[in-house]
Amino acid sequence: MARFTVTGPATGTCDDGALRDGILVRDGAHLDLSFAAVTHIHNTPLAACFRVGHGITIGDPFGTIATATIEHSDISDYGGTGIIAFGDGSLVDISENVITGAGLSTIVATSGIEFVFGAAGTISHNVISGNSCGSPDLGCGTDYLTQFQIAGIQAGGPGTVITHNEIYDNQVGIYAFDGAQSSHNKLVNNHFFGL
């Protein structure tokens, strides 16, 4: 799929069906997405509903996996995560995209890219900014041991490569784990720490 826009916002609430995903890829499916825009994936009024407002979701937290190649696209103004991949076996190649969160918010916590529960892939040549959480009510704050900080990239399933990205104005630039390889990234003006 290429050269189209997926857009919100929605008018649902946390109780009656909040906007969960702009694009959802699951059950073994594969998405090739390029030169697209995924924007305003949140509810109006903005609300901190659990695990909703993702621009693009690959796999799901309930055990299904999927794969994707996402390139040359603009993912912005989401209420949760720009791109999130779930599950060991979900493989994603994310390159040459601009991923922009809402900035410091007291209502929602946004992150740029997350690989969760063993998802892996390559994250390269992206520009990622504006991902943070400004609300102690959401458990966010500066204490690394007792509070959450939000990252531009949070990834690290076995084989994950994070390279040549420009990551700025997030609370944390890159939060890497499980042996992720990180190189040649430019980390500037992230609020708490770069890597």
N, C-alpha and C. Protein backbone atom coordinates (compact mmCIF):
# COMPACT_ATOMS: atom_id res chain seq x y z
N MET A 1 0.85 -1.17 0.00
CA MET A 1 0.00 0.00 0.00
C MET A 1 0.89 1.22 0.00
N ALA A 2 0.50 2.24 -0.75
CA ALA A 2 1.33 3.43 -0.86
C ALA A 2 0.49 4.65 -1.19
N ARG A 3 1.03 5.82 -0.82
CA ARG A 3 0.50 7.12 -1.21
C ARG A 3 -0.96 7.32 -0.81
N PHE A 4 -1.24 7.13 0.48
CA PHE A 4 -2.56 7.43 1.01
C PHE A 4 -2.43 7.89 2.45
N THR A 5 -3.53 8.38 3.03
CA THR A 5 -3.55 8.88 4.39
C THR A 5 -4.59 8.14 5.20
N VAL A 6 -4.19 7.72 6.40
CA VAL A 6 -5.12 7.19 7.40
C VAL A 6 -5.19 8.25 8.49
N THR A 7 -6.40 8.72 8.82
CA THR A 7 -6.50 9.82 9.76
C THR A 7 -7.66 9.68 10.72
N GLY A 8 -7.51 10.22 11.90
CA GLY A 8 -8.55 10.38 12.89
C GLY A 8 -8.81 11.88 12.99
N PRO A 9 -9.21 12.38 14.13
CA PRO A 9 -9.44 11.65 15.36
C PRO A 9 -10.81 11.00 15.41
N ALA A 10 -11.04 10.27 16.50
CA ALA A 10 -12.33 9.62 16.72
C ALA A 10 -13.02 10.31 17.90
N THR A 11 -14.28 9.96 18.10
CA THR A 11 -15.04 10.56 19.19
C THR A 11 -15.36 9.56 20.29
N GLY A 12 -14.74 8.37 20.26
CA GLY A 12 -15.01 7.37 21.28
C GLY A 12 -14.42 7.77 22.62
N THR A 13 -14.75 7.00 23.64
CA THR A 13 -14.20 7.20 24.97
C THR A 13 -13.55 5.89 25.42
N CYS A 14 -12.85 5.94 26.54
CA CYS A 14 -12.23 4.73 27.07
C CYS A 14 -13.27 3.65 27.35
N ASP A 15 -14.49 4.06 27.71
CA ASP A 15 -15.54 3.09 28.06
C ASP A 15 -16.32 2.58 26.87
N ASP A 16 -16.50 3.41 25.84
CA ASP A 16 -17.38 2.97 24.75
C ASP A 16 -16.65 2.76 23.42
N GLY A 17 -15.35 2.52 23.44
CA GLY A 17 -14.67 2.18 22.20
C GLY A 17 -13.73 3.25 21.70
N ALA A 18 -12.59 3.41 22.36
CA ALA A 18 -11.59 4.37 21.92
C ALA A 18 -10.93 3.91 20.63
N LEU A 19 -10.41 4.86 19.85
CA LEU A 19 -9.69 4.55 18.62
C LEU A 19 -8.39 3.83 18.98
N ARG A 20 -8.28 2.57 18.61
CA ARG A 20 -7.14 1.76 19.03
C ARG A 20 -5.96 1.90 18.09
N ASP A 21 -6.17 1.72 16.78
CA ASP A 21 -5.08 1.69 15.81
C ASP A 21 -5.48 2.44 14.54
N GLY A 22 -4.47 3.08 13.91
CA GLY A 22 -4.70 3.59 12.57
C GLY A 22 -4.67 2.45 11.56
N ILE A 23 -3.63 1.62 11.64
CA ILE A 23 -3.49 0.42 10.80
C ILE A 23 -3.13 -0.73 11.73
N LEU A 24 -3.81 -1.87 11.59
CA LEU A 24 -3.55 -3.06 12.39
C LEU A 24 -3.20 -4.22 11.47
N VAL A 25 -2.05 -4.84 11.72
CA VAL A 25 -1.58 -5.98 10.93
C VAL A 25 -1.45 -7.15 11.89
N ARG A 26 -2.15 -8.26 11.65
CA ARG A 26 -2.12 -9.37 12.60
C ARG A 26 -2.38 -10.70 11.91
N ASP A 27 -2.40 -11.78 12.70
CA ASP A 27 -2.74 -13.12 12.22
C ASP A 27 -1.86 -13.56 11.06
N GLY A 28 -0.54 -13.29 11.14
CA GLY A 28 0.40 -13.75 10.12
C GLY A 28 0.43 -12.90 8.87
N ALA A 29 -0.28 -11.79 8.84
CA ALA A 29 -0.30 -10.93 7.66
C ALA A 29 1.02 -10.17 7.51
N HIS A 30 1.25 -9.63 6.31
CA HIS A 30 2.41 -8.80 6.04
C HIS A 30 1.95 -7.49 5.40
N LEU A 31 2.51 -6.37 5.89
CA LEU A 31 2.21 -5.05 5.34
C LEU A 31 3.45 -4.47 4.71
N ASP A 32 3.35 -4.02 3.46
CA ASP A 32 4.34 -3.16 2.82
C ASP A 32 3.68 -1.79 2.70
N LEU A 33 4.22 -0.81 3.43
CA LEU A 33 3.64 0.53 3.44
C LEU A 33 4.72 1.53 3.07
N SER A 34 4.42 2.41 2.13
CA SER A 34 5.39 3.43 1.73
C SER A 34 4.68 4.71 1.30
N PHE A 35 5.37 5.84 1.50
CA PHE A 35 4.89 7.16 1.08
C PHE A 35 3.45 7.42 1.54
N ALA A 36 3.19 7.07 2.80
CA ALA A 36 1.85 7.22 3.36
C ALA A 36 1.90 8.17 4.56
N ALA A 37 0.73 8.55 5.05
CA ALA A 37 0.62 9.34 6.27
C ALA A 37 -0.39 8.67 7.19
N VAL A 38 -0.03 8.56 8.46
CA VAL A 38 -0.94 8.05 9.48
C VAL A 38 -0.93 9.11 10.58
N THR A 39 -2.08 9.78 10.77
CA THR A 39 -2.07 10.96 11.62
C THR A 39 -3.36 11.11 12.43
N HIS A 40 -3.29 11.80 13.55
CA HIS A 40 -4.42 12.09 14.43
C HIS A 40 -5.09 10.81 14.93
N ILE A 41 -4.30 9.81 15.28
CA ILE A 41 -4.85 8.56 15.79
C ILE A 41 -5.00 8.69 17.30
N HIS A 42 -6.10 9.31 17.70
CA HIS A 42 -6.44 9.51 19.10
C HIS A 42 -7.91 9.87 19.18
N ASN A 43 -8.41 10.00 20.39
CA ASN A 43 -9.80 10.37 20.59
C ASN A 43 -9.90 11.86 20.90
N THR A 44 -11.08 12.41 20.66
CA THR A 44 -11.36 13.79 20.99
C THR A 44 -12.60 13.81 21.87
N PRO A 45 -12.49 14.26 23.12
CA PRO A 45 -11.29 14.83 23.72
C PRO A 45 -10.22 13.77 23.98
N LEU A 46 -8.97 14.22 24.02
CA LEU A 46 -7.83 13.36 24.27
C LEU A 46 -7.96 12.73 25.65
N ALA A 47 -7.74 11.40 25.72
CA ALA A 47 -7.86 10.68 26.99
C ALA A 47 -6.80 9.59 27.05
N ALA A 48 -6.36 9.27 28.26
CA ALA A 48 -5.33 8.25 28.46
C ALA A 48 -5.98 6.89 28.64
N CYS A 49 -6.51 6.32 27.56
CA CYS A 49 -7.08 4.98 27.60
C CYS A 49 -5.95 3.97 27.45
N PHE A 50 -6.04 2.84 28.11
CA PHE A 50 -4.96 1.86 28.11
C PHE A 50 -4.76 1.25 26.73
N ARG A 51 -3.53 1.31 26.24
CA ARG A 51 -3.08 0.69 24.99
C ARG A 51 -3.98 1.01 23.80
N VAL A 52 -4.23 2.29 23.57
CA VAL A 52 -4.95 2.73 22.38
C VAL A 52 -4.20 3.90 21.76
N GLY A 53 -4.61 4.27 20.57
CA GLY A 53 -4.01 5.43 19.90
C GLY A 53 -2.70 5.13 19.21
N HIS A 54 -2.53 3.90 18.69
CA HIS A 54 -1.30 3.54 17.98
C HIS A 54 -1.46 3.86 16.50
N GLY A 55 -0.43 4.49 15.93
CA GLY A 55 -0.47 4.76 14.50
C GLY A 55 -0.53 3.46 13.70
N ILE A 56 0.46 2.58 13.91
CA ILE A 56 0.52 1.29 13.21
C ILE A 56 0.85 0.21 14.23
N THR A 57 0.07 -0.86 14.26
CA THR A 57 0.30 -1.98 15.17
C THR A 57 0.56 -3.24 14.35
N ILE A 58 1.65 -3.95 14.69
CA ILE A 58 2.02 -5.20 14.03
C ILE A 58 1.96 -6.30 15.07
N GLY A 59 1.13 -7.32 14.84
CA GLY A 59 0.89 -8.34 15.86
C GLY A 59 -0.04 -7.79 16.92
N ASP A 60 -0.20 -8.55 18.03
CA ASP A 60 -1.00 -8.04 19.15
C ASP A 60 -0.51 -8.67 20.45
N PRO A 61 -0.92 -8.14 21.58
CA PRO A 61 -0.43 -8.66 22.85
C PRO A 61 -1.01 -10.01 23.23
N PHE A 62 -1.89 -10.56 22.42
CA PHE A 62 -2.55 -11.81 22.74
C PHE A 62 -1.96 -13.00 22.00
N GLY A 63 -0.81 -12.80 21.33
CA GLY A 63 -0.09 -13.93 20.77
C GLY A 63 -0.04 -14.03 19.26
N THR A 64 -0.78 -13.23 18.52
CA THR A 64 -0.66 -13.30 17.07
C THR A 64 0.52 -12.45 16.63
N ILE A 65 1.18 -12.90 15.57
CA ILE A 65 2.34 -12.18 15.04
C ILE A 65 2.05 -11.71 13.62
N ALA A 66 2.89 -10.82 13.13
CA ALA A 66 2.77 -10.30 11.76
C ALA A 66 4.12 -9.71 11.38
N THR A 67 4.24 -9.30 10.12
CA THR A 67 5.48 -8.68 9.65
C THR A 67 5.12 -7.42 8.87
N ALA A 68 6.12 -6.53 8.74
CA ALA A 68 5.84 -5.29 8.01
C ALA A 68 7.13 -4.65 7.54
N THR A 69 7.03 -3.93 6.43
CA THR A 69 8.05 -3.01 5.95
C THR A 69 7.38 -1.66 5.84
N ILE A 70 7.88 -0.68 6.60
CA ILE A 70 7.27 0.65 6.65
C ILE A 70 8.36 1.64 6.28
N GLU A 71 8.15 2.39 5.18
CA GLU A 71 9.20 3.29 4.72
C GLU A 71 8.63 4.55 4.10
N HIS A 72 9.42 5.63 4.19
CA HIS A 72 9.10 6.91 3.56
C HIS A 72 7.71 7.40 3.93
N SER A 73 7.32 7.23 5.19
CA SER A 73 5.98 7.64 5.62
C SER A 73 6.06 8.60 6.80
N ASP A 74 4.94 9.27 7.06
CA ASP A 74 4.83 10.25 8.14
C ASP A 74 3.80 9.73 9.13
N ILE A 75 4.25 9.45 10.36
CA ILE A 75 3.35 8.99 11.41
C ILE A 75 3.38 10.06 12.49
N SER A 76 2.23 10.68 12.78
CA SER A 76 2.24 11.84 13.68
C SER A 76 0.94 11.96 14.46
N ASP A 77 1.01 12.71 15.57
CA ASP A 77 -0.15 13.06 16.39
C ASP A 77 -0.97 11.83 16.80
N TYR A 78 -0.28 10.88 17.39
CA TYR A 78 -0.92 9.66 17.91
C TYR A 78 -1.07 9.79 19.42
N GLY A 79 -1.98 9.03 19.99
CA GLY A 79 -2.22 9.10 21.43
C GLY A 79 -1.49 8.04 22.22
N GLY A 80 -0.85 7.08 21.54
CA GLY A 80 -0.12 6.00 22.22
C GLY A 80 1.28 5.86 21.67
N THR A 81 1.44 5.04 20.63
CA THR A 81 2.73 4.77 20.02
C THR A 81 2.64 4.98 18.51
N GLY A 82 3.69 5.54 17.92
CA GLY A 82 3.70 5.71 16.47
C GLY A 82 3.63 4.37 15.75
N ILE A 83 4.60 3.48 16.04
CA ILE A 83 4.62 2.12 15.49
C ILE A 83 4.93 1.17 16.63
N ILE A 84 4.10 0.15 16.83
CA ILE A 84 4.34 -0.84 17.87
C ILE A 84 4.23 -2.24 17.28
N ALA A 85 5.18 -3.10 17.63
CA ALA A 85 5.17 -4.50 17.16
C ALA A 85 5.19 -5.42 18.38
N PHE A 86 4.36 -6.45 18.34
CA PHE A 86 4.22 -7.40 19.44
C PHE A 86 4.65 -8.79 19.01
N GLY A 87 5.36 -9.51 19.89
CA GLY A 87 5.50 -10.95 19.77
C GLY A 87 6.74 -11.46 19.11
N ASP A 88 7.30 -12.51 19.71
CA ASP A 88 8.43 -13.23 19.15
C ASP A 88 8.01 -13.83 17.82
N GLY A 89 8.63 -13.42 16.75
CA GLY A 89 8.24 -13.83 15.40
C GLY A 89 7.70 -12.69 14.57
N SER A 90 7.30 -11.60 15.22
CA SER A 90 6.93 -10.40 14.46
C SER A 90 8.21 -9.68 14.07
N LEU A 91 8.40 -9.48 12.78
CA LEU A 91 9.60 -8.84 12.24
C LEU A 91 9.19 -7.60 11.46
N VAL A 92 9.89 -6.48 11.74
CA VAL A 92 9.50 -5.21 11.14
C VAL A 92 10.74 -4.48 10.65
N ASP A 93 10.68 -3.94 9.45
CA ASP A 93 11.73 -3.08 8.91
C ASP A 93 11.13 -1.68 8.79
N ILE A 94 11.67 -0.75 9.59
CA ILE A 94 11.14 0.62 9.66
C ILE A 94 12.26 1.55 9.19
N SER A 95 12.09 2.19 8.04
CA SER A 95 13.17 3.02 7.52
C SER A 95 12.66 4.27 6.80
N GLU A 96 13.43 5.35 6.94
CA GLU A 96 13.19 6.61 6.22
C GLU A 96 11.83 7.23 6.52
N ASN A 97 11.38 7.13 7.79
CA ASN A 97 10.10 7.70 8.19
C ASN A 97 10.31 8.91 9.10
N VAL A 98 9.29 9.74 9.21
CA VAL A 98 9.25 10.81 10.20
C VAL A 98 8.14 10.44 11.18
N ILE A 99 8.51 10.28 12.47
CA ILE A 99 7.58 9.83 13.50
C ILE A 99 7.57 10.89 14.59
N THR A 100 6.43 11.56 14.76
CA THR A 100 6.35 12.73 15.63
C THR A 100 5.23 12.59 16.63
N GLY A 101 5.60 12.53 17.92
CA GLY A 101 4.61 12.49 18.99
C GLY A 101 4.04 13.86 19.29
N ALA A 102 3.17 13.90 20.27
CA ALA A 102 2.46 15.14 20.61
C ALA A 102 3.27 16.07 21.49
N GLY A 103 4.46 15.67 21.91
CA GLY A 103 5.23 16.49 22.83
C GLY A 103 4.79 16.24 24.26
N LEU A 104 5.31 17.04 25.17
CA LEU A 104 5.02 16.86 26.59
C LEU A 104 3.54 17.10 26.85
N SER A 105 2.88 16.07 27.38
CA SER A 105 1.44 16.13 27.62
C SER A 105 1.15 15.68 29.05
N THR A 106 0.20 16.32 29.68
CA THR A 106 -0.25 15.87 30.99
C THR A 106 -1.42 14.89 30.88
N ILE A 107 -1.82 14.57 29.64
CA ILE A 107 -2.98 13.69 29.42
C ILE A 107 -2.56 12.32 28.93
N VAL A 108 -1.66 12.25 27.94
CA VAL A 108 -1.24 10.97 27.36
C VAL A 108 0.28 10.84 27.41
N ALA A 109 0.75 9.59 27.30
CA ALA A 109 2.18 9.30 27.18
C ALA A 109 2.39 8.66 25.82
N THR A 110 3.21 9.28 24.97
CA THR A 110 3.44 8.76 23.63
C THR A 110 4.87 8.28 23.47
N SER A 111 5.04 7.20 22.71
CA SER A 111 6.38 6.72 22.36
C SER A 111 6.45 6.55 20.84
N GLY A 112 7.66 6.65 20.29
CA GLY A 112 7.81 6.62 18.84
C GLY A 112 7.68 5.23 18.25
N ILE A 113 8.63 4.34 18.60
CA ILE A 113 8.64 2.97 18.11
C ILE A 113 8.85 2.05 19.30
N GLU A 114 8.04 0.99 19.41
CA GLU A 114 8.22 -0.02 20.45
C GLU A 114 8.19 -1.41 19.84
N PHE A 115 9.18 -2.24 20.21
CA PHE A 115 9.15 -3.67 19.94
C PHE A 115 8.92 -4.35 21.28
N VAL A 116 7.83 -5.11 21.42
CA VAL A 116 7.40 -5.66 22.69
C VAL A 116 7.30 -7.18 22.60
N PHE A 117 7.57 -7.87 23.71
CA PHE A 117 7.40 -9.32 23.82
C PHE A 117 8.17 -10.08 22.75
N GLY A 118 9.40 -9.66 22.45
CA GLY A 118 10.26 -10.39 21.53
C GLY A 118 10.20 -9.97 20.08
N ALA A 119 9.36 -9.01 19.73
CA ALA A 119 9.35 -8.50 18.35
C ALA A 119 10.73 -7.95 18.01
N ALA A 120 11.11 -8.04 16.75
CA ALA A 120 12.45 -7.62 16.35
C ALA A 120 12.40 -7.01 14.96
N GLY A 121 13.54 -6.44 14.55
CA GLY A 121 13.63 -5.90 13.20
C GLY A 121 14.72 -4.86 13.09
N THR A 122 14.63 -4.07 12.04
CA THR A 122 15.59 -3.02 11.76
C THR A 122 14.89 -1.67 11.79
N ILE A 123 15.49 -0.73 12.54
CA ILE A 123 14.98 0.63 12.64
C ILE A 123 16.10 1.53 12.13
N SER A 124 15.95 2.09 10.93
CA SER A 124 17.06 2.83 10.34
C SER A 124 16.61 4.08 9.60
N HIS A 125 17.43 5.12 9.68
CA HIS A 125 17.27 6.37 8.92
C HIS A 125 15.93 7.04 9.15
N ASN A 126 15.42 6.98 10.38
CA ASN A 126 14.17 7.65 10.74
C ASN A 126 14.47 8.93 11.52
N VAL A 127 13.51 9.86 11.53
CA VAL A 127 13.56 11.04 12.38
C VAL A 127 12.42 10.90 13.38
N ILE A 128 12.77 10.84 14.68
CA ILE A 128 11.79 10.52 15.73
C ILE A 128 11.86 11.60 16.81
N SER A 129 10.73 12.23 17.11
CA SER A 129 10.73 13.33 18.10
C SER A 129 9.39 13.45 18.79
N GLY A 130 9.40 14.22 19.89
CA GLY A 130 8.15 14.62 20.54
C GLY A 130 7.45 13.54 21.33
N ASN A 131 8.19 12.57 21.88
CA ASN A 131 7.58 11.49 22.64
C ASN A 131 7.92 11.63 24.11
N SER A 132 6.89 11.77 24.94
CA SER A 132 7.13 12.00 26.36
C SER A 132 5.84 11.82 27.16
N CYS A 133 5.99 11.93 28.46
CA CYS A 133 4.86 11.87 29.38
C CYS A 133 5.09 12.92 30.45
N GLY A 134 4.14 13.79 30.64
CA GLY A 134 4.30 14.85 31.63
C GLY A 134 3.37 14.71 32.81
N SER A 135 2.82 13.53 33.04
CA SER A 135 1.83 13.38 34.09
C SER A 135 2.25 12.38 35.16
N PRO A 136 2.43 12.84 36.40
CA PRO A 136 2.67 11.89 37.49
C PRO A 136 1.48 10.94 37.68
N ASP A 137 0.28 11.36 37.28
CA ASP A 137 -0.88 10.49 37.39
C ASP A 137 -0.75 9.24 36.53
N LEU A 138 0.04 9.33 35.46
CA LEU A 138 0.29 8.17 34.60
C LEU A 138 1.52 7.38 35.04
N GLY A 139 2.12 7.78 36.15
CA GLY A 139 3.30 7.09 36.65
C GLY A 139 4.60 7.57 36.06
N CYS A 140 4.58 8.70 35.38
CA CYS A 140 5.77 9.20 34.70
C CYS A 140 6.51 10.21 35.56
N GLY A 141 7.84 10.23 35.40
CA GLY A 141 8.65 11.18 36.12
C GLY A 141 10.12 10.90 35.95
N THR A 142 10.95 11.60 36.70
CA THR A 142 12.39 11.53 36.50
C THR A 142 13.07 10.39 37.25
N ASP A 143 12.39 9.73 38.19
CA ASP A 143 13.01 8.66 38.97
C ASP A 143 13.03 7.36 38.16
N TYR A 144 14.22 6.96 37.73
CA TYR A 144 14.37 5.80 36.86
C TYR A 144 13.87 4.51 37.51
N LEU A 145 13.95 4.40 38.83
CA LEU A 145 13.60 3.16 39.50
C LEU A 145 12.12 3.03 39.82
N THR A 146 11.42 4.13 39.98
CA THR A 146 10.02 4.06 40.42
C THR A 146 9.02 4.70 39.46
N GLN A 147 9.51 5.37 38.42
CA GLN A 147 8.61 6.04 37.48
C GLN A 147 8.98 5.69 36.05
N PHE A 148 8.07 5.97 35.12
CA PHE A 148 8.29 5.69 33.72
C PHE A 148 8.87 6.89 33.00
N GLN A 149 9.74 6.63 32.04
CA GLN A 149 10.19 7.63 31.09
C GLN A 149 9.89 7.08 29.69
N ILE A 150 9.54 7.94 28.79
CA ILE A 150 9.08 7.54 27.46
C ILE A 150 10.22 7.72 26.45
N ALA A 151 10.37 6.74 25.54
CA ALA A 151 11.49 6.75 24.59
C ALA A 151 11.03 6.98 23.16
N GLY A 152 11.94 7.57 22.38
CA GLY A 152 11.73 7.65 20.94
C GLY A 152 11.72 6.25 20.33
N ILE A 153 12.69 5.42 20.76
CA ILE A 153 12.76 4.02 20.33
C ILE A 153 12.92 3.15 21.57
N GLN A 154 12.05 2.15 21.70
CA GLN A 154 12.17 1.14 22.76
C GLN A 154 12.12 -0.21 22.07
N ALA A 155 13.29 -0.87 21.95
CA ALA A 155 13.33 -2.09 21.14
C ALA A 155 14.51 -2.96 21.54
N GLY A 156 14.47 -4.22 21.14
CA GLY A 156 15.61 -5.04 21.43
C GLY A 156 15.44 -6.53 21.30
N GLY A 157 14.40 -7.03 20.65
CA GLY A 157 14.32 -8.47 20.44
C GLY A 157 15.56 -8.96 19.73
N PRO A 158 15.92 -10.24 19.89
CA PRO A 158 17.15 -10.77 19.29
C PRO A 158 17.25 -10.45 17.80
N GLY A 159 18.37 -9.87 17.40
CA GLY A 159 18.59 -9.50 16.01
C GLY A 159 18.18 -8.08 15.66
N THR A 160 17.64 -7.34 16.61
CA THR A 160 17.21 -5.97 16.33
C THR A 160 18.42 -5.07 16.06
N VAL A 161 18.31 -4.25 15.01
CA VAL A 161 19.34 -3.29 14.65
C VAL A 161 18.72 -1.90 14.64
N ILE A 162 19.35 -0.96 15.37
CA ILE A 162 18.89 0.43 15.45
C ILE A 162 20.04 1.29 14.95
N THR A 163 19.89 1.88 13.75
CA THR A 163 21.03 2.55 13.15
C THR A 163 20.64 3.76 12.33
N HIS A 164 21.50 4.78 12.34
CA HIS A 164 21.37 5.98 11.50
C HIS A 164 20.04 6.71 11.67
N ASN A 165 19.52 6.74 12.89
CA ASN A 165 18.30 7.50 13.18
C ASN A 165 18.66 8.84 13.80
N GLU A 166 17.80 9.85 13.59
CA GLU A 166 17.92 11.13 14.28
C GLU A 166 16.80 11.19 15.30
N ILE A 167 17.18 11.26 16.58
CA ILE A 167 16.22 11.12 17.67
C ILE A 167 16.38 12.32 18.60
N TYR A 168 15.37 13.17 18.67
CA TYR A 168 15.50 14.38 19.48
C TYR A 168 14.19 14.74 20.16
N ASP A 169 14.29 15.50 21.26
CA ASP A 169 13.15 16.05 21.98
C ASP A 169 12.17 14.97 22.45
N ASN A 170 12.72 13.84 22.91
CA ASN A 170 11.95 12.81 23.59
C ASN A 170 12.41 12.80 25.05
N GLN A 171 11.71 12.11 25.94
CA GLN A 171 12.24 12.00 27.30
C GLN A 171 13.52 11.16 27.30
N VAL A 172 13.51 10.05 26.58
CA VAL A 172 14.68 9.18 26.41
C VAL A 172 14.85 8.98 24.91
N GLY A 173 16.07 9.00 24.42
CA GLY A 173 16.28 8.77 23.00
C GLY A 173 16.02 7.32 22.62
N ILE A 174 16.90 6.41 23.08
CA ILE A 174 16.78 4.98 22.78
C ILE A 174 16.83 4.21 24.08
N TYR A 175 15.86 3.33 24.28
CA TYR A 175 15.90 2.36 25.37
C TYR A 175 16.05 0.99 24.71
N ALA A 176 17.28 0.46 24.71
CA ALA A 176 17.57 -0.79 24.03
C ALA A 176 17.77 -1.91 25.05
N PHE A 177 17.38 -3.13 24.70
CA PHE A 177 17.49 -4.27 25.60
C PHE A 177 17.63 -5.55 24.79
N ASP A 178 17.88 -6.68 25.47
CA ASP A 178 17.98 -8.01 24.84
C ASP A 178 18.98 -8.06 23.69
N GLY A 179 20.07 -7.34 23.80
CA GLY A 179 21.13 -7.47 22.80
C GLY A 179 20.92 -6.71 21.52
N ALA A 180 20.07 -5.70 21.53
CA ALA A 180 19.90 -4.88 20.32
C ALA A 180 21.23 -4.24 19.95
N GLN A 181 21.48 -4.12 18.65
CA GLN A 181 22.68 -3.45 18.16
C GLN A 181 22.31 -2.03 17.77
N SER A 182 23.04 -1.06 18.34
CA SER A 182 22.76 0.35 18.07
C SER A 182 24.04 1.01 17.57
N SER A 183 23.94 1.74 16.45
CA SER A 183 25.11 2.43 15.92
C SER A 183 24.69 3.61 15.06
N HIS A 184 25.56 4.63 15.01
CA HIS A 184 25.42 5.78 14.12
C HIS A 184 24.10 6.53 14.28
N ASN A 185 23.55 6.53 15.49
CA ASN A 185 22.34 7.31 15.75
C ASN A 185 22.72 8.69 16.27
N LYS A 186 21.93 9.69 15.92
CA LYS A 186 22.15 11.05 16.41
C LYS A 186 21.09 11.34 17.47
N LEU A 187 21.55 11.53 18.72
CA LEU A 187 20.66 11.74 19.86
C LEU A 187 20.89 13.15 20.38
N VAL A 188 19.86 14.02 20.27
CA VAL A 188 20.02 15.43 20.61
C VAL A 188 18.84 15.90 21.45
N ASN A 189 19.14 16.60 22.55
CA ASN A 189 18.12 17.28 23.36
C ASN A 189 17.01 16.36 23.83
N ASN A 190 17.34 15.11 24.16
CA ASN A 190 16.37 14.26 24.84
C ASN A 190 16.40 14.63 26.32
N HIS A 191 15.25 14.72 26.97
CA HIS A 191 15.12 15.40 28.25
C HIS A 191 15.88 14.73 29.38
N PHE A 192 15.83 13.40 29.50
CA PHE A 192 16.44 12.71 30.63
C PHE A 192 17.78 12.10 30.26
N PHE A 193 17.83 11.28 29.21
CA PHE A 193 19.09 10.76 28.70
C PHE A 193 18.92 10.30 27.27
N GLY A 194 20.06 10.19 26.58
CA GLY A 194 20.02 9.81 25.17
C GLY A 194 19.83 8.33 24.96
N LEU A 195 20.71 7.52 25.61
CA LEU A 195 20.68 6.06 25.37
C LEU A 195 20.79 5.34 26.69
